[in-house]
Amino acid sequence: MYATYYHHVQRKVEPIWARHLHESPPPADPARLDYVTRVNVSIGSDGSLKAIEVAKSAGPEWDQAVLAAFRESAPFENPAVAMLDSSGLLHLDDLGFIVSLRGGSRVRMYGDPRTGK
C-alpha cells in the first residue's frame, strides 16, 4: 500500500523537480559529485500538501527545486485511511532527491516506502 502511494508521488514530483533543476544555476562546488536533498512531507487525507521541510540540504537552489516540485505537484491522490496518523496526515519522511554528476548528470527521487512513514 505504501509502495504504491510512494510511486504515485514519485511519478508526479520527479519530472517537475528535474525541470526545476535544469533551470537552477550550476553547483557552487565543481569538485563535488553528489548532491542530496532529503525532505519530510505531510499529505492530508484529501491529497493536499500540508507540510514539507528540508531535513538535509544540497544547497539552497537545489533544495528549492524539490520544494517547488512538491508544491506544483499537489494535490496527490487521497491516501488510504489506513496510512493516516491520528491527526489525518500521511507522513513521507526522509525522501531523498539525489543529483549525481558522475559520468553525466543523473537525478532520482528515492525513499524506503516499507517504513510506512
N, C-alpha and C. Protein backbone atom coordinates (compact mmCIF):
# COMPACT_ATOMS: atom_id res chain seq x y z
N MET A 1 0.83 -1.18 0.00
CA MET A 1 0.00 0.00 0.00
C MET A 1 0.88 1.25 0.00
N TYR A 2 1.87 1.31 0.91
CA TYR A 2 2.75 2.47 0.97
C TYR A 2 3.59 2.58 -0.30
N ALA A 3 4.06 1.46 -0.80
CA ALA A 3 4.91 1.48 -2.00
C ALA A 3 4.13 2.03 -3.20
N THR A 4 2.88 1.64 -3.34
CA THR A 4 2.06 2.12 -4.45
C THR A 4 1.87 3.63 -4.34
N TYR A 5 1.58 4.11 -3.15
CA TYR A 5 1.37 5.55 -2.96
C TYR A 5 2.67 6.32 -3.18
N TYR A 6 3.76 5.80 -2.65
CA TYR A 6 5.07 6.42 -2.84
C TYR A 6 5.36 6.58 -4.33
N HIS A 7 5.11 5.53 -5.11
CA HIS A 7 5.39 5.59 -6.55
C HIS A 7 4.48 6.59 -7.26
N HIS A 8 3.25 6.73 -6.78
CA HIS A 8 2.35 7.75 -7.34
C HIS A 8 2.96 9.13 -7.12
N VAL A 9 3.41 9.39 -5.90
CA VAL A 9 4.03 10.69 -5.57
C VAL A 9 5.29 10.88 -6.42
N GLN A 10 6.10 9.87 -6.52
CA GLN A 10 7.33 9.94 -7.29
C GLN A 10 7.05 10.30 -8.76
N ARG A 11 6.05 9.65 -9.35
CA ARG A 11 5.72 9.91 -10.76
C ARG A 11 5.26 11.35 -10.98
N LYS A 12 4.61 11.94 -10.00
CA LYS A 12 4.16 13.33 -10.14
C LYS A 12 5.28 14.32 -9.89
N VAL A 13 6.11 14.06 -8.88
CA VAL A 13 7.10 15.04 -8.44
C VAL A 13 8.37 15.03 -9.30
N GLU A 14 8.85 13.85 -9.64
CA GLU A 14 10.17 13.74 -10.27
C GLU A 14 10.33 14.56 -11.56
N PRO A 15 9.41 14.53 -12.51
CA PRO A 15 9.62 15.32 -13.73
C PRO A 15 9.62 16.83 -13.48
N ILE A 16 8.81 17.28 -12.55
CA ILE A 16 8.76 18.72 -12.24
C ILE A 16 10.05 19.13 -11.54
N TRP A 17 10.53 18.27 -10.65
CA TRP A 17 11.81 18.53 -9.97
C TRP A 17 12.93 18.62 -11.00
N ALA A 18 12.99 17.69 -11.94
CA ALA A 18 14.04 17.69 -12.96
C ALA A 18 14.00 18.98 -13.78
N ARG A 19 12.80 19.45 -14.10
CA ARG A 19 12.67 20.71 -14.85
C ARG A 19 13.24 21.87 -14.04
N HIS A 20 12.90 21.92 -12.75
CA HIS A 20 13.42 22.99 -11.89
C HIS A 20 14.94 22.91 -11.76
N LEU A 21 15.48 21.70 -11.70
CA LEU A 21 16.93 21.55 -11.61
C LEU A 21 17.60 22.15 -12.84
N HIS A 22 17.04 21.90 -14.02
CA HIS A 22 17.65 22.40 -15.25
C HIS A 22 17.59 23.92 -15.33
N GLU A 23 16.67 24.52 -14.58
CA GLU A 23 16.56 25.98 -14.54
C GLU A 23 17.43 26.59 -13.45
N SER A 24 18.03 25.74 -12.61
CA SER A 24 18.86 26.21 -11.49
C SER A 24 20.28 26.49 -11.94
N PRO A 25 20.98 27.36 -11.21
CA PRO A 25 22.39 27.60 -11.56
C PRO A 25 23.23 26.35 -11.31
N PRO A 26 24.39 26.26 -11.94
CA PRO A 26 25.25 25.09 -11.72
C PRO A 26 25.73 25.05 -10.27
N PRO A 27 26.17 23.88 -9.83
CA PRO A 27 26.62 23.75 -8.44
C PRO A 27 27.80 24.67 -8.15
N ALA A 28 27.83 25.15 -6.92
CA ALA A 28 28.90 26.07 -6.50
C ALA A 28 30.24 25.37 -6.37
N ASP A 29 30.23 24.10 -6.04
CA ASP A 29 31.47 23.34 -5.83
C ASP A 29 31.64 22.34 -6.97
N PRO A 30 32.44 22.68 -7.99
CA PRO A 30 32.58 21.78 -9.14
C PRO A 30 33.26 20.45 -8.81
N ALA A 31 33.94 20.37 -7.69
CA ALA A 31 34.61 19.12 -7.31
C ALA A 31 33.63 18.13 -6.68
N ARG A 32 32.53 18.63 -6.19
CA ARG A 32 31.53 17.76 -5.54
C ARG A 32 30.72 17.04 -6.61
N LEU A 33 30.57 15.74 -6.46
CA LEU A 33 29.89 14.94 -7.49
C LEU A 33 28.48 14.53 -7.13
N ASP A 34 28.14 14.51 -5.86
CA ASP A 34 26.80 14.06 -5.43
C ASP A 34 26.17 15.12 -4.53
N TYR A 35 24.91 15.40 -4.82
CA TYR A 35 24.13 16.37 -4.05
C TYR A 35 22.84 15.68 -3.63
N VAL A 36 22.53 15.73 -2.34
CA VAL A 36 21.32 15.06 -1.83
C VAL A 36 20.50 16.05 -1.01
N THR A 37 19.25 16.17 -1.37
CA THR A 37 18.27 16.89 -0.55
C THR A 37 17.34 15.84 0.02
N ARG A 38 17.12 15.87 1.33
CA ARG A 38 16.17 14.96 1.97
C ARG A 38 15.06 15.81 2.59
N VAL A 39 13.83 15.36 2.37
CA VAL A 39 12.68 16.12 2.87
C VAL A 39 11.72 15.22 3.65
N ASN A 40 10.99 15.85 4.53
CA ASN A 40 9.88 15.22 5.25
C ASN A 40 8.61 15.89 4.73
N VAL A 41 7.65 15.08 4.32
CA VAL A 41 6.43 15.58 3.69
C VAL A 41 5.21 15.07 4.45
N SER A 42 4.23 15.94 4.61
CA SER A 42 2.94 15.55 5.19
C SER A 42 1.84 15.83 4.18
N ILE A 43 1.02 14.82 3.93
CA ILE A 43 -0.07 14.91 2.97
C ILE A 43 -1.38 14.67 3.70
N GLY A 44 -2.37 15.52 3.43
CA GLY A 44 -3.67 15.40 4.08
C GLY A 44 -4.50 14.28 3.50
N SER A 45 -5.58 13.96 4.18
CA SER A 45 -6.47 12.88 3.73
C SER A 45 -7.09 13.17 2.37
N ASP A 46 -7.12 14.46 2.00
CA ASP A 46 -7.66 14.86 0.70
C ASP A 46 -6.58 14.95 -0.38
N GLY A 47 -5.35 14.54 -0.06
CA GLY A 47 -4.25 14.57 -1.01
C GLY A 47 -3.51 15.89 -1.07
N SER A 48 -3.94 16.85 -0.26
CA SER A 48 -3.27 18.15 -0.28
C SER A 48 -1.92 18.08 0.44
N LEU A 49 -1.00 18.92 0.01
CA LEU A 49 0.30 19.04 0.65
C LEU A 49 0.13 19.90 1.88
N LYS A 50 0.31 19.31 3.05
CA LYS A 50 0.11 20.04 4.30
C LYS A 50 1.41 20.65 4.82
N ALA A 51 2.54 19.96 4.61
CA ALA A 51 3.82 20.48 5.09
C ALA A 51 4.95 19.79 4.34
N ILE A 52 6.03 20.54 4.19
CA ILE A 52 7.27 19.97 3.65
C ILE A 52 8.42 20.71 4.29
N GLU A 53 9.42 19.95 4.72
CA GLU A 53 10.59 20.57 5.33
C GLU A 53 11.85 19.87 4.84
N VAL A 54 12.90 20.64 4.68
CA VAL A 54 14.19 20.09 4.27
C VAL A 54 14.88 19.51 5.51
N ALA A 55 15.19 18.22 5.46
CA ALA A 55 15.88 17.56 6.57
C ALA A 55 17.39 17.54 6.34
N LYS A 56 17.80 17.53 5.05
CA LYS A 56 19.22 17.59 4.69
C LYS A 56 19.31 18.40 3.41
N SER A 57 20.22 19.36 3.41
CA SER A 57 20.32 20.30 2.30
C SER A 57 21.42 19.93 1.31
N ALA A 58 21.10 20.12 0.01
CA ALA A 58 22.09 20.01 -1.05
C ALA A 58 22.56 21.39 -1.48
N GLY A 59 21.96 22.40 -0.92
CA GLY A 59 22.22 23.79 -1.30
C GLY A 59 20.90 24.47 -1.60
N PRO A 60 20.84 25.77 -1.36
CA PRO A 60 19.54 26.46 -1.44
C PRO A 60 18.82 26.33 -2.77
N GLU A 61 19.54 26.47 -3.89
CA GLU A 61 18.86 26.41 -5.19
C GLU A 61 18.27 25.03 -5.44
N TRP A 62 19.02 23.99 -5.13
CA TRP A 62 18.54 22.64 -5.41
C TRP A 62 17.49 22.20 -4.39
N ASP A 63 17.59 22.68 -3.16
CA ASP A 63 16.52 22.42 -2.19
C ASP A 63 15.22 23.06 -2.66
N GLN A 64 15.32 24.29 -3.16
CA GLN A 64 14.12 24.99 -3.64
C GLN A 64 13.49 24.26 -4.82
N ALA A 65 14.30 23.59 -5.63
CA ALA A 65 13.75 22.81 -6.74
C ALA A 65 12.85 21.69 -6.22
N VAL A 66 13.27 21.04 -5.14
CA VAL A 66 12.46 19.96 -4.54
C VAL A 66 11.18 20.54 -3.95
N LEU A 67 11.30 21.62 -3.18
CA LEU A 67 10.13 22.22 -2.56
C LEU A 67 9.12 22.68 -3.61
N ALA A 68 9.61 23.33 -4.66
CA ALA A 68 8.73 23.81 -5.72
C ALA A 68 8.04 22.65 -6.43
N ALA A 69 8.77 21.57 -6.65
CA ALA A 69 8.19 20.41 -7.34
C ALA A 69 7.03 19.82 -6.54
N PHE A 70 7.18 19.72 -5.23
CA PHE A 70 6.08 19.20 -4.41
C PHE A 70 4.89 20.15 -4.44
N ARG A 71 5.15 21.43 -4.32
CA ARG A 71 4.05 22.41 -4.32
C ARG A 71 3.29 22.39 -5.64
N GLU A 72 4.02 22.27 -6.75
CA GLU A 72 3.37 22.24 -8.06
C GLU A 72 2.68 20.91 -8.35
N SER A 73 3.16 19.84 -7.74
CA SER A 73 2.58 18.50 -7.98
C SER A 73 1.29 18.27 -7.22
N ALA A 74 1.12 18.94 -6.10
CA ALA A 74 -0.07 18.75 -5.27
C ALA A 74 -1.29 19.31 -6.01
N PRO A 75 -2.46 18.75 -5.79
CA PRO A 75 -2.74 17.68 -4.83
C PRO A 75 -2.38 16.30 -5.40
N PHE A 76 -2.20 15.38 -4.48
CA PHE A 76 -1.91 14.00 -4.82
C PHE A 76 -3.19 13.19 -4.66
N GLU A 77 -3.13 11.92 -4.99
CA GLU A 77 -4.29 11.04 -4.74
C GLU A 77 -4.56 11.02 -3.24
N ASN A 78 -5.80 10.79 -2.88
CA ASN A 78 -6.14 10.64 -1.46
C ASN A 78 -5.47 9.37 -0.94
N PRO A 79 -4.70 9.49 0.14
CA PRO A 79 -4.09 8.27 0.70
C PRO A 79 -5.15 7.40 1.37
N ALA A 80 -4.90 6.12 1.43
CA ALA A 80 -5.81 5.19 2.12
C ALA A 80 -5.90 5.57 3.59
N VAL A 81 -7.06 5.41 4.17
CA VAL A 81 -7.28 5.75 5.57
C VAL A 81 -6.28 5.03 6.48
N ALA A 82 -5.95 3.79 6.15
CA ALA A 82 -5.02 3.01 6.97
C ALA A 82 -3.62 3.60 7.00
N MET A 83 -3.32 4.50 6.07
CA MET A 83 -2.00 5.12 6.00
C MET A 83 -1.91 6.40 6.83
N LEU A 84 -3.03 6.90 7.30
CA LEU A 84 -3.08 8.18 8.01
C LEU A 84 -2.80 8.01 9.49
N ASP A 85 -2.18 9.03 10.08
CA ASP A 85 -1.97 9.01 11.53
C ASP A 85 -3.24 9.52 12.22
N SER A 86 -3.21 9.67 13.52
CA SER A 86 -4.40 10.06 14.29
C SER A 86 -4.87 11.48 13.96
N SER A 87 -4.00 12.30 13.38
CA SER A 87 -4.41 13.66 13.00
C SER A 87 -4.85 13.74 11.54
N GLY A 88 -4.93 12.58 10.87
CA GLY A 88 -5.40 12.54 9.49
C GLY A 88 -4.34 12.88 8.45
N LEU A 89 -3.08 12.70 8.81
CA LEU A 89 -1.99 13.00 7.88
C LEU A 89 -1.20 11.75 7.52
N LEU A 90 -0.70 11.75 6.31
CA LEU A 90 0.26 10.74 5.88
C LEU A 90 1.63 11.41 5.90
N HIS A 91 2.58 10.78 6.56
CA HIS A 91 3.94 11.32 6.65
C HIS A 91 4.86 10.49 5.77
N LEU A 92 5.49 11.15 4.81
CA LEU A 92 6.53 10.54 3.98
C LEU A 92 7.83 11.20 4.41
N ASP A 93 8.52 10.54 5.31
CA ASP A 93 9.72 11.13 5.90
C ASP A 93 10.97 10.60 5.22
N ASP A 94 11.96 11.46 5.20
CA ASP A 94 13.29 11.09 4.73
C ASP A 94 13.31 10.70 3.26
N LEU A 95 12.53 11.42 2.44
CA LEU A 95 12.57 11.20 1.00
C LEU A 95 13.81 11.88 0.46
N GLY A 96 14.59 11.16 -0.33
CA GLY A 96 15.83 11.71 -0.85
C GLY A 96 15.72 12.07 -2.32
N PHE A 97 16.39 13.14 -2.68
CA PHE A 97 16.49 13.60 -4.06
C PHE A 97 17.97 13.76 -4.35
N ILE A 98 18.49 12.94 -5.24
CA ILE A 98 19.92 12.93 -5.49
C ILE A 98 20.23 13.42 -6.90
N VAL A 99 21.24 14.23 -6.98
CA VAL A 99 21.80 14.64 -8.25
C VAL A 99 23.23 14.14 -8.25
N SER A 100 23.54 13.26 -9.17
CA SER A 100 24.89 12.71 -9.29
C SER A 100 25.51 13.19 -10.58
N LEU A 101 26.69 13.77 -10.48
CA LEU A 101 27.38 14.29 -11.65
C LEU A 101 28.51 13.36 -12.08
N ARG A 102 28.44 12.12 -11.66
CA ARG A 102 29.45 11.12 -12.02
C ARG A 102 29.13 10.59 -13.42
N GLY A 103 29.92 10.99 -14.39
CA GLY A 103 29.72 10.50 -15.75
C GLY A 103 28.44 11.01 -16.38
N GLY A 104 28.08 12.23 -16.13
CA GLY A 104 26.84 12.80 -16.63
C GLY A 104 25.87 12.97 -15.49
N SER A 105 24.92 13.82 -15.68
CA SER A 105 24.03 14.09 -14.57
C SER A 105 22.92 13.05 -14.50
N ARG A 106 22.56 12.70 -13.28
CA ARG A 106 21.50 11.72 -13.04
C ARG A 106 20.70 12.25 -11.87
N VAL A 107 19.41 12.27 -12.03
CA VAL A 107 18.54 12.75 -10.95
C VAL A 107 17.57 11.64 -10.59
N ARG A 108 17.29 11.53 -9.30
CA ARG A 108 16.41 10.45 -8.85
C ARG A 108 15.82 10.78 -7.49
N MET A 109 14.54 10.55 -7.34
CA MET A 109 13.87 10.62 -6.05
C MET A 109 13.90 9.22 -5.46
N TYR A 110 14.22 9.11 -4.19
CA TYR A 110 14.23 7.79 -3.59
C TYR A 110 13.77 7.86 -2.13
N GLY A 111 13.40 6.73 -1.63
CA GLY A 111 12.97 6.59 -0.25
C GLY A 111 12.65 5.13 -0.02
N ASP A 112 12.35 4.80 1.20
CA ASP A 112 12.00 3.42 1.52
C ASP A 112 10.53 3.36 1.90
N PRO A 113 9.66 3.02 0.94
CA PRO A 113 8.23 3.01 1.24
C PRO A 113 7.83 1.97 2.26
N ARG A 114 8.71 1.03 2.55
CA ARG A 114 8.37 -0.01 3.53
C ARG A 114 8.35 0.52 4.95
N THR A 115 8.92 1.70 5.17
CA THR A 115 8.96 2.23 6.53
C THR A 115 7.57 2.61 7.02
N GLY A 116 6.66 2.88 6.08
CA GLY A 116 5.30 3.24 6.48
C GLY A 116 5.19 4.60 7.11
N LYS A 117 6.14 5.45 6.85
CA LYS A 117 6.11 6.81 7.42
C LYS A 117 5.44 7.74 6.46
